[in-house]
């Protein structure tokens, strides 16, 4: 308890730092995410066909609405009549161009964004703090996932949690108004419940399947990528039924999980089909962000992969503010070392390393990771992929990385190595805003 309390406390301090340091709306799509929240808070209702070309939220009105409804509930009482002053676009912004010498800022900033916050500035910062709390839940769940997959190995849980909680990119997105924060925590919760279900020595009780279905439905109501949890649910149900050697268990679990998910999220997709003729509202999304002319081939996907990997760990702004090259080499090296560590733990001398794993939960981690990677690859064929799209599987990735990295060390050293690594990652996360974020955004003239 002391370990996770310390990790969450440091995460909260860093996330609040990122939220305050990053100029308002200088995170990918943040201004449009907030505009949809403001739209709902003003009582204008969910996106309708006549709103698509005229509303200020660009493609975000096509997104499942749960995050935006939560944001509206948190900010409805704040007057936002200063929106025209607070939301001003920089027509010269170098979006996606990290080589630009200036104009990194998507928005124009001035006294309206300064302390004390009021109006739009206050409401937008409140939605940022809501995202920070969602990130804290993801940190907690990551710790539990690592403890479930690697029981009796608390050092791995510490390192896995630190890899996620002190990732500059995770902190940057968690400190912004973005529905990725809600789908990430719900996907992580779904993964944890899935691992718990398959780890049961007896057939899970009926209510656990209902709870699983509610989480699946909430994820589907948060972002389209949340629909991937339906695939994880299918794998989980089949695994439990196979272990019980009873198709009755399969039928009961499938019915309860599916019914709960449909009760929570089904109305949204039926509404879209009736109003737009498109349950997923991809036509509305692509009206705001046109898809690529031709689907990307294998060679193009491989060329895009390094950018997606870098933006999983430390690419800021509107994909136009980079960290120092050594940061990306560091995370690449950690991933490679983790892979080699798992290999050595499988074939190396047992007395030198200790790898205590739960086979079924570990297999679920790997299958979920593959499922999300494939989905992001498929999305990259038609639109623009960024590392934050991998965040629903980030807990799985860091758990595997932590196990592989600690496999090199004798048991008596693992706790020390894990905490030293956590400290180094926290220092990197604390330095990042001052080393790369603040220099990219010159302070505005508060005239």
Protein backbone atom coordinates (compact mmCIF):
# COMPACT_ATOMS: atom_id res chain seq x y z
CA UNK A 1 0.00 0.00 0.00
CA UNK A 2 2.86 2.37 0.74
CA UNK A 3 4.34 1.62 -2.69
CA UNK A 4 1.24 2.37 -4.71
CA UNK A 5 0.40 5.38 -2.53
CA UNK A 6 3.83 6.87 -3.22
CA UNK A 7 3.63 6.13 -6.96
CA UNK A 8 0.16 7.67 -7.31
CA UNK A 9 1.14 10.72 -5.26
CA UNK A 10 4.17 11.41 -7.46
CA UNK A 11 2.05 10.83 -10.58
CA UNK A 12 -0.55 13.36 -9.37
CA UNK A 13 2.12 15.97 -8.67
CA UNK A 14 3.67 15.50 -12.10
CA UNK A 15 0.34 15.44 -13.93
CA UNK A 16 -0.77 18.68 -12.30
CA UNK A 17 2.60 20.19 -13.27
CA UNK A 18 2.08 19.16 -16.92
CA UNK A 19 -1.48 20.50 -16.82
CA UNK A 20 -0.38 23.92 -15.57
CA UNK A 21 2.76 24.19 -17.72
CA UNK A 22 1.20 23.16 -21.04
CA UNK A 23 -0.60 26.15 -22.60
CA UNK A 24 -4.32 25.67 -22.95
CA UNK A 25 -5.42 23.66 -26.01
CA UNK A 26 -1.82 22.79 -27.02
CA UNK A 27 -2.48 19.06 -26.87
CA UNK A 28 -3.73 17.10 -29.91
CA UNK A 29 -7.38 17.93 -30.66
CA UNK A 30 -7.83 19.36 -27.15
CA UNK A 31 -9.63 22.49 -28.32
CA UNK A 32 -12.22 20.40 -30.18
CA UNK A 33 -12.66 18.00 -27.27
CA UNK A 34 -13.33 20.99 -25.05
CA UNK A 35 -15.63 22.63 -27.61
CA UNK A 36 -17.87 19.54 -27.55
CA UNK A 37 -17.92 19.65 -23.74
CA UNK A 38 -18.86 23.35 -23.90
CA UNK A 39 -21.53 22.55 -26.47
CA UNK A 40 -23.11 19.94 -24.18
CA UNK A 41 -22.74 22.12 -21.07
CA UNK A 42 -24.71 24.82 -22.89
CA UNK A 43 -27.58 22.34 -23.32
CA UNK A 44 -27.29 21.97 -27.11
CA UNK A 45 -27.53 18.18 -27.00
CA UNK A 46 -25.67 15.40 -28.76
CA UNK A 47 -24.47 15.98 -32.30
CA UNK A 48 -27.21 15.95 -34.93
CA UNK A 49 -26.82 15.79 -38.73
CA UNK A 50 -27.42 19.54 -39.10
CA UNK A 51 -24.55 20.28 -36.68
CA UNK A 52 -21.83 18.46 -38.58
CA UNK A 53 -20.63 21.26 -40.81
CA UNK A 54 -21.42 24.21 -38.51
CA UNK A 55 -20.43 23.18 -34.96
CA UNK A 56 -17.06 24.24 -33.51
CA UNK A 57 -16.07 20.74 -32.36
CA UNK A 58 -14.78 19.53 -35.77
CA UNK A 59 -14.81 15.70 -35.83
CA UNK A 60 -15.19 15.24 -32.07
CA UNK A 61 -18.98 15.31 -32.22
CA UNK A 62 -18.74 11.90 -33.88
CA UNK A 63 -17.14 10.40 -30.76
CA UNK A 64 -19.09 8.34 -28.23
CA UNK A 65 -20.26 10.87 -25.64
CA UNK A 66 -19.40 9.62 -22.15
CA UNK A 67 -16.23 11.67 -21.59
CA UNK A 68 -17.90 14.81 -22.89
CA UNK A 69 -20.98 14.30 -20.73
CA UNK A 70 -18.75 13.93 -17.67
CA UNK A 71 -16.90 17.10 -18.63
CA UNK A 72 -20.15 18.97 -19.14
CA UNK A 73 -21.43 17.78 -15.74
CA UNK A 74 -18.23 19.09 -14.13
CA UNK A 75 -18.34 22.53 -15.78
CA UNK A 76 -21.98 23.40 -16.62
CA UNK A 77 -22.13 26.07 -13.89
CA UNK A 78 -19.19 28.10 -15.27
CA UNK A 79 -20.13 30.99 -17.60
CA UNK A 80 -18.23 30.71 -20.89
CA UNK A 81 -19.25 33.96 -22.54
CA UNK A 82 -15.56 34.80 -23.09
CA UNK A 83 -15.13 31.92 -25.58
CA UNK A 84 -14.37 34.23 -28.52
CA UNK A 85 -11.53 35.77 -26.54
CA UNK A 86 -10.19 32.50 -25.09
CA UNK A 87 -10.37 30.29 -28.19
CA UNK A 88 -8.35 31.92 -30.98
CA UNK A 89 -6.53 29.88 -33.62
CA UNK A 90 -3.03 30.61 -34.87
CA UNK A 91 -3.42 30.57 -38.65
CA UNK A 92 0.34 30.06 -39.03
CA UNK A 93 0.55 27.02 -36.73
CA UNK A 94 3.08 24.38 -37.79
CA UNK A 95 0.92 21.38 -36.91
CA UNK A 96 2.80 18.09 -37.19
CA UNK A 97 6.02 19.84 -38.22
CA UNK A 98 8.69 19.35 -35.56
CA UNK A 99 11.31 21.08 -37.74
CA UNK A 100 9.49 24.42 -37.74
CA UNK A 101 11.46 27.17 -36.00
CA UNK A 102 8.36 28.81 -34.56
CA UNK A 103 4.58 28.74 -34.52
CA UNK A 104 4.44 25.51 -32.52
CA UNK A 105 1.32 26.92 -30.87
CA UNK A 106 -1.99 25.92 -32.40
CA UNK A 107 -3.73 28.67 -30.43
CA UNK A 108 -3.11 32.32 -29.62
CA UNK A 109 -2.57 32.93 -25.91
CA UNK A 110 -2.99 36.05 -23.83
CA UNK A 111 -4.19 37.47 -20.53
CA UNK A 112 -7.44 35.52 -20.77
CA UNK A 113 -5.47 32.32 -20.11
CA UNK A 114 -3.55 33.72 -17.13
CA UNK A 115 -4.26 33.21 -13.45
CA UNK A 116 -6.78 33.72 -11.92
CA UNK A 117 -8.69 31.49 -14.31
CA UNK A 118 -12.22 32.37 -15.30
CA UNK A 119 -14.77 31.44 -17.92
CA UNK A 120 -13.50 29.11 -20.64
CA UNK A 121 -10.03 29.00 -19.08
CA UNK A 122 -11.39 27.80 -15.74
CA UNK A 123 -13.73 25.26 -17.33
CA UNK A 124 -10.99 23.86 -19.57
CA UNK A 125 -8.58 23.49 -16.65
CA UNK A 126 -11.27 21.70 -14.63
CA UNK A 127 -11.71 19.17 -17.44
CA UNK A 128 -7.93 18.75 -17.48
CA UNK A 129 -7.96 17.97 -13.77
CA UNK A 130 -10.76 15.47 -14.39
CA UNK A 131 -8.44 13.76 -16.88
CA UNK A 132 -5.64 13.76 -14.29
CA UNK A 133 -7.88 11.79 -11.91
CA UNK A 134 -8.75 9.31 -14.66
CA UNK A 135 -5.02 8.83 -15.20
CA UNK A 136 -4.57 8.14 -11.48
CA UNK A 137 -7.10 5.30 -11.76
CA UNK A 138 -5.13 3.89 -14.70
CA UNK A 139 -1.98 3.98 -12.55
CA UNK A 140 -3.75 2.08 -9.75
CA UNK A 141 -5.10 -0.54 -12.14
CA UNK A 142 -1.71 -1.00 -13.76
CA UNK A 143 -0.26 -1.87 -10.35
CA UNK A 144 -3.01 -4.44 -9.80
CA UNK A 145 -2.52 -5.92 -13.27
CA UNK A 146 1.19 -6.38 -12.67
CA UNK A 147 0.55 -7.98 -9.27
CA UNK A 148 -1.98 -10.35 -10.85
CA UNK A 149 0.22 -11.36 -13.79
CA UNK A 150 3.43 -11.53 -11.75
CA UNK A 151 2.37 -12.67 -8.26
CA UNK A 152 4.94 -12.72 -5.52
CA UNK A 153 7.03 -10.28 -7.52
CA UNK A 154 6.20 -6.82 -6.07
CA UNK A 155 9.27 -5.23 -7.66
CA UNK A 156 7.78 -5.85 -11.10
CA UNK A 157 4.56 -4.09 -10.07
CA UNK A 158 6.55 -1.07 -8.91
CA UNK A 159 8.56 -0.86 -12.14
CA UNK A 160 5.54 -1.45 -14.39
CA UNK A 161 3.58 1.28 -12.63
CA UNK A 162 6.52 3.70 -12.83
CA UNK A 163 6.98 3.03 -16.55
CA UNK A 164 3.39 4.10 -17.13
CA UNK A 165 2.88 6.77 -14.47
CA UNK A 166 6.13 8.60 -15.23
CA UNK A 167 5.97 8.34 -19.01
CA UNK A 168 6.13 11.95 -20.30
CA UNK A 169 3.57 11.17 -22.98
CA UNK A 170 1.12 9.52 -20.59
CA UNK A 171 1.44 12.52 -18.28
CA UNK A 172 1.03 14.96 -21.17
CA UNK A 173 -2.18 13.33 -22.41
CA UNK A 174 -3.49 12.72 -18.88
CA UNK A 175 -3.06 16.44 -18.22
CA UNK A 176 -5.18 17.45 -21.22
CA UNK A 177 -8.83 17.45 -22.19
CA UNK A 178 -9.01 14.25 -24.24
CA UNK A 179 -11.35 11.25 -24.30
CA UNK A 180 -8.32 8.96 -24.61
CA UNK A 181 -8.04 9.29 -20.84
CA UNK A 182 -11.45 7.73 -20.21
CA UNK A 183 -11.16 4.89 -22.72
CA UNK A 184 -7.66 4.12 -21.37
CA UNK A 185 -8.82 3.69 -17.78
CA UNK A 186 -11.87 1.67 -18.82
CA UNK A 187 -9.83 -0.57 -21.13
CA UNK A 188 -7.32 -1.08 -18.31
CA UNK A 189 -10.18 -1.91 -15.92
CA UNK A 190 -11.56 -4.36 -18.47
CA UNK A 191 -8.16 -6.02 -18.81
CA UNK A 192 -7.86 -6.35 -15.03
CA UNK A 193 -11.34 -7.88 -14.72
CA UNK A 194 -10.57 -10.24 -17.59
CA UNK A 195 -7.37 -11.42 -15.90
CA UNK A 196 -9.23 -11.89 -12.62
CA UNK A 197 -11.94 -13.94 -14.33
CA UNK A 198 -9.54 -16.35 -16.01
CA UNK A 199 -7.49 -16.68 -12.81
CA UNK A 200 -10.53 -17.95 -10.84
CA UNK A 201 -10.03 -21.51 -9.64
CA UNK A 202 -13.81 -21.98 -9.73
CA UNK A 203 -16.41 -20.78 -12.19
CA UNK A 204 -16.86 -17.01 -11.64
CA UNK A 205 -20.19 -15.90 -10.11
CA UNK A 206 -22.86 -14.50 -12.40
CA UNK A 207 -22.53 -10.94 -11.11
CA UNK A 208 -18.87 -10.78 -12.16
CA UNK A 209 -19.95 -11.21 -15.78
CA UNK A 210 -22.47 -8.40 -15.40
CA UNK A 211 -19.76 -6.13 -13.99
CA UNK A 212 -17.47 -7.08 -16.87
CA UNK A 213 -20.23 -6.25 -19.35
CA UNK A 214 -20.84 -2.86 -17.76
CA UNK A 215 -17.14 -1.98 -18.16
CA UNK A 216 -17.21 -3.17 -21.80
CA UNK A 217 -20.28 -0.99 -22.41
CA UNK A 218 -18.75 2.07 -20.74
CA UNK A 219 -15.61 1.67 -22.85
CA UNK A 220 -17.73 1.46 -26.01
CA UNK A 221 -19.48 4.64 -24.87
CA UNK A 222 -16.13 6.43 -24.45
CA UNK A 223 -14.39 5.94 -27.79
CA UNK A 224 -14.64 3.59 -30.77
CA UNK A 225 -11.45 1.86 -29.68
CA UNK A 226 -13.38 0.80 -26.59
CA UNK A 227 -15.22 -1.67 -28.83
CA UNK A 228 -12.02 -3.74 -28.82
CA UNK A 229 -12.95 -4.84 -25.30
CA UNK A 230 -15.70 -6.93 -26.89
CA UNK A 231 -12.94 -9.00 -28.47
CA UNK A 232 -11.19 -9.37 -25.12
CA UNK A 233 -14.52 -10.35 -23.57
CA UNK A 234 -14.98 -13.09 -26.17
CA UNK A 235 -11.49 -14.45 -25.45
CA UNK A 236 -12.15 -14.35 -21.70
CA UNK A 237 -15.51 -16.10 -21.93
CA UNK A 238 -14.12 -18.84 -24.15
CA UNK A 239 -11.14 -19.34 -21.85
CA UNK A 240 -13.29 -19.69 -18.71
CA UNK A 241 -15.76 -22.01 -20.42
CA UNK A 242 -12.95 -24.16 -21.82
CA UNK A 243 -11.37 -24.47 -18.36
CA UNK A 244 -14.76 -25.48 -16.90
CA UNK A 245 -15.43 -27.85 -19.82
CA UNK A 246 -19.00 -26.56 -19.84
CA UNK A 247 -20.76 -24.79 -22.72
CA UNK A 248 -23.45 -23.78 -20.22
CA UNK A 249 -20.86 -21.47 -18.67
CA UNK A 250 -20.09 -20.04 -22.10
CA UNK A 251 -23.76 -19.32 -22.80
CA UNK A 252 -24.42 -17.76 -19.41
CA UNK A 253 -21.28 -15.61 -19.47
CA UNK A 254 -21.85 -14.48 -23.07
CA UNK A 255 -25.48 -13.57 -22.34
CA UNK A 256 -24.80 -11.66 -19.13
CA UNK A 257 -21.75 -9.80 -20.48
CA UNK A 258 -23.39 -8.98 -23.79
CA UNK A 259 -26.68 -7.89 -22.23
CA UNK A 260 -24.94 -5.57 -19.77
CA UNK A 261 -22.75 -4.04 -22.50
CA UNK A 262 -25.74 -3.48 -24.80
CA UNK A 263 -27.80 -1.96 -21.98
CA UNK A 264 -25.05 0.57 -21.29
CA UNK A 265 -23.91 1.49 -24.81
CA UNK A 266 -26.34 0.03 -27.33
CA UNK A 267 -28.58 3.10 -27.41
CA UNK A 268 -25.73 5.25 -28.77
CA UNK A 269 -25.07 3.06 -31.79
CA UNK A 270 -28.79 2.58 -32.51
CA UNK A 271 -29.24 6.37 -32.37
CA UNK A 272 -26.42 6.87 -34.84
CA UNK A 273 -27.89 4.31 -37.22
CA UNK A 274 -31.33 5.94 -37.09
CA UNK A 275 -30.09 9.56 -37.41
CA UNK A 276 -27.04 9.19 -39.65
CA UNK A 277 -27.34 5.73 -41.20
CA UNK A 278 -23.89 5.03 -39.72
CA UNK A 279 -23.69 3.30 -36.30
CA UNK A 280 -19.99 4.19 -35.85
CA UNK A 281 -20.30 7.76 -37.22
CA UNK A 282 -17.11 7.31 -39.22
CA UNK A 283 -18.69 9.34 -42.02
CA UNK A 284 -18.97 12.30 -39.63
CA UNK A 285 -15.41 11.82 -38.36
CA UNK A 286 -13.98 11.66 -41.87
CA UNK A 287 -15.94 14.79 -42.80
CA UNK A 288 -13.76 16.62 -40.27
CA UNK A 289 -10.52 14.69 -40.85
CA UNK A 290 -10.54 13.24 -44.39
CA UNK A 291 -9.07 9.73 -44.68
CA UNK A 292 -6.03 8.98 -46.77
CA UNK A 293 -6.68 8.57 -50.47
CA UNK A 294 -5.26 5.06 -50.66
CA UNK A 295 -4.86 2.64 -47.73
CA UNK A 296 -1.27 2.52 -46.54
CA UNK A 297 0.68 -0.59 -47.51
CA UNK A 298 3.12 -2.60 -45.42
CA UNK A 299 6.09 -0.42 -46.39
CA UNK A 300 4.24 2.75 -45.43
CA UNK A 301 3.12 1.27 -42.11
CA UNK A 302 6.70 0.30 -41.30
CA UNK A 303 7.79 3.85 -42.12
CA UNK A 304 5.12 5.23 -39.77
CA UNK A 305 5.95 2.82 -36.93
CA UNK A 306 8.91 4.81 -35.47
CA UNK A 307 6.74 7.93 -35.18
CA UNK A 308 4.00 5.99 -33.41
CA UNK A 309 6.57 4.47 -31.05
CA UNK A 310 8.14 7.85 -30.23
CA UNK A 311 4.74 9.41 -29.61
CA UNK A 312 3.93 6.61 -27.18
CA UNK A 313 6.58 8.06 -24.86
CA UNK A 314 7.40 11.72 -25.54
CA UNK A 315 5.98 13.79 -28.43
CA UNK A 316 4.22 16.95 -27.31
CA UNK A 317 2.11 19.75 -28.71
CA UNK A 318 0.22 19.05 -31.89
CA UNK A 319 2.72 16.36 -32.83
CA UNK A 320 5.33 19.07 -33.36
CA UNK A 321 7.39 19.25 -30.12
CA UNK A 322 10.00 16.51 -29.73
CA UNK A 323 12.12 15.46 -26.78
CA UNK A 324 15.87 14.91 -27.13
CA UNK A 325 16.75 11.90 -29.33
CA UNK A 326 18.27 10.01 -26.40
CA UNK A 327 14.81 9.78 -24.78
CA UNK A 328 13.51 7.68 -27.66
CA UNK A 329 16.65 5.56 -27.67
CA UNK A 330 16.17 4.99 -23.95
CA UNK A 331 12.64 3.60 -24.29
CA UNK A 332 13.62 1.55 -27.33
CA UNK A 333 16.55 0.09 -25.39
CA UNK A 334 14.31 -0.71 -22.42
CA UNK A 335 11.86 -2.55 -24.69
CA UNK A 336 14.65 -4.54 -26.36
CA UNK A 337 16.26 -5.39 -23.03
CA UNK A 338 12.90 -6.55 -21.72
CA UNK A 339 12.44 -8.89 -24.67
CA UNK A 340 15.91 -10.36 -24.18
CA UNK A 341 15.24 -10.64 -20.44
CA UNK A 342 12.19 -12.81 -21.02
CA UNK A 343 14.17 -14.98 -23.41
CA UNK A 344 16.97 -15.42 -20.88
CA UNK A 345 14.50 -16.21 -18.14
CA UNK A 346 13.11 -19.01 -20.28
CA UNK A 347 16.41 -20.63 -21.25
CA UNK A 348 18.93 -19.32 -18.70
CA UNK A 349 20.00 -20.72 -15.33
CA UNK A 350 17.05 -20.74 -12.94
CA UNK A 351 19.13 -19.92 -9.89
CA UNK A 352 20.08 -16.50 -11.30
CA UNK A 353 16.65 -15.17 -12.15
CA UNK A 354 13.17 -15.55 -10.77
CA UNK A 355 10.22 -15.36 -13.12
CA UNK A 356 6.99 -16.11 -11.29
CA UNK A 357 4.06 -15.68 -13.67
CA UNK A 358 0.42 -16.59 -13.99
CA UNK A 359 0.19 -18.23 -17.40
CA UNK A 360 -3.42 -17.39 -18.30
CA UNK A 361 -3.28 -13.71 -17.25
CA UNK A 362 0.05 -13.34 -19.06
CA UNK A 363 -1.42 -14.81 -22.22
CA UNK A 364 -4.32 -12.37 -21.94
CA UNK A 365 -1.87 -9.50 -21.64
CA UNK A 366 -0.12 -10.56 -24.83
CA UNK A 367 -3.35 -11.17 -26.75
CA UNK A 368 -4.74 -7.78 -25.71
CA UNK A 369 -1.51 -6.09 -26.72
CA UNK A 370 -1.60 -7.76 -30.13
CA UNK A 371 -5.28 -6.89 -30.60
CA UNK A 372 -4.69 -3.20 -29.90
CA UNK A 373 -1.53 -3.07 -32.04
CA UNK A 374 -3.38 -4.63 -34.98
CA UNK A 375 -6.29 -2.20 -34.57
CA UNK A 376 -3.95 0.81 -34.50
CA UNK A 377 -2.15 -0.55 -37.57
CA UNK A 378 -5.45 -0.90 -39.37
CA UNK A 379 -6.39 2.66 -38.40
CA UNK A 380 -3.03 3.90 -39.67
CA UNK A 381 -3.93 2.52 -43.09
CA UNK A 382 -6.81 4.96 -43.45
CA UNK A 383 -6.09 7.85 -41.08
CA UNK A 384 -3.42 9.26 -38.76
CA UNK A 385 -2.03 7.09 -35.95
CA UNK A 386 -0.35 8.37 -32.80
CA UNK A 387 1.08 6.60 -29.80
CA UNK A 388 -1.80 7.64 -27.55
CA UNK A 389 -4.00 5.22 -29.52
CA UNK A 390 -1.93 2.44 -27.91
CA UNK A 391 -2.72 3.66 -24.40
CA UNK A 392 -5.57 1.14 -23.86
CA UNK A 393 -2.83 -1.53 -23.98
CA UNK A 394 -0.15 0.48 -22.17
CA UNK A 395 -0.65 -1.37 -18.86
CA UNK A 396 -0.05 -4.67 -20.67
CA UNK A 397 3.05 -3.32 -22.40
CA UNK A 398 4.70 -1.93 -19.26
CA UNK A 399 3.93 -5.10 -17.27
CA UNK A 400 5.72 -7.20 -19.88
CA UNK A 401 8.57 -4.69 -20.00
CA UNK A 402 8.97 -4.68 -16.21
CA UNK A 403 9.11 -8.46 -15.98
CA UNK A 404 11.71 -8.71 -18.70
CA UNK A 405 13.86 -5.92 -17.28
CA UNK A 406 13.94 -7.41 -13.78
CA UNK A 407 14.63 -10.92 -15.04
CA UNK A 408 18.34 -10.05 -15.27
CA UNK A 409 18.66 -9.47 -11.53
CA UNK A 410 18.77 -11.81 -8.54
CA UNK A 411 15.71 -11.60 -6.32
CA UNK A 412 17.51 -9.74 -3.53
CA UNK A 413 18.37 -6.89 -5.94
CA UNK A 414 15.07 -6.54 -7.74
CA UNK A 415 13.30 -4.21 -5.30
CA UNK A 416 16.30 -1.86 -5.22
CA UNK A 417 16.59 -1.86 -9.03
CA UNK A 418 12.85 -1.24 -9.43
CA UNK A 419 12.82 1.77 -7.10
CA UNK A 420 16.04 3.23 -8.54
CA UNK A 421 14.52 2.94 -12.02
CA UNK A 422 11.26 4.50 -10.81
CA UNK A 423 13.22 7.42 -9.37
CA UNK A 424 15.12 7.95 -12.62
CA UNK A 425 11.90 7.84 -14.66
CA UNK A 426 10.25 10.34 -12.30
CA UNK A 427 13.20 12.72 -12.71
CA UNK A 428 12.96 12.44 -16.50
CA UNK A 429 9.22 13.16 -16.32
CA UNK A 430 9.79 16.19 -14.09
CA UNK A 431 12.49 17.64 -16.35
CA UNK A 432 10.56 17.17 -19.62
CA UNK A 433 8.14 20.15 -19.27
CA UNK A 434 10.99 22.57 -18.63
CA UNK A 435 13.39 21.07 -21.17
CA UNK A 436 11.05 20.71 -24.14
CA UNK A 437 7.53 22.01 -23.51
CA UNK A 438 8.12 25.50 -22.13
CA UNK A 439 10.82 26.45 -24.68
CA UNK A 440 8.41 25.62 -27.51
CA UNK A 441 5.84 28.18 -26.33
CA UNK A 442 7.19 31.71 -25.73
CA UNK A 443 5.22 33.48 -23.00
CA UNK A 444 2.45 35.70 -24.42
CA UNK A 445 2.41 39.45 -24.08
CA UNK A 446 -0.16 40.08 -21.33
CA UNK A 447 -1.24 43.46 -22.59
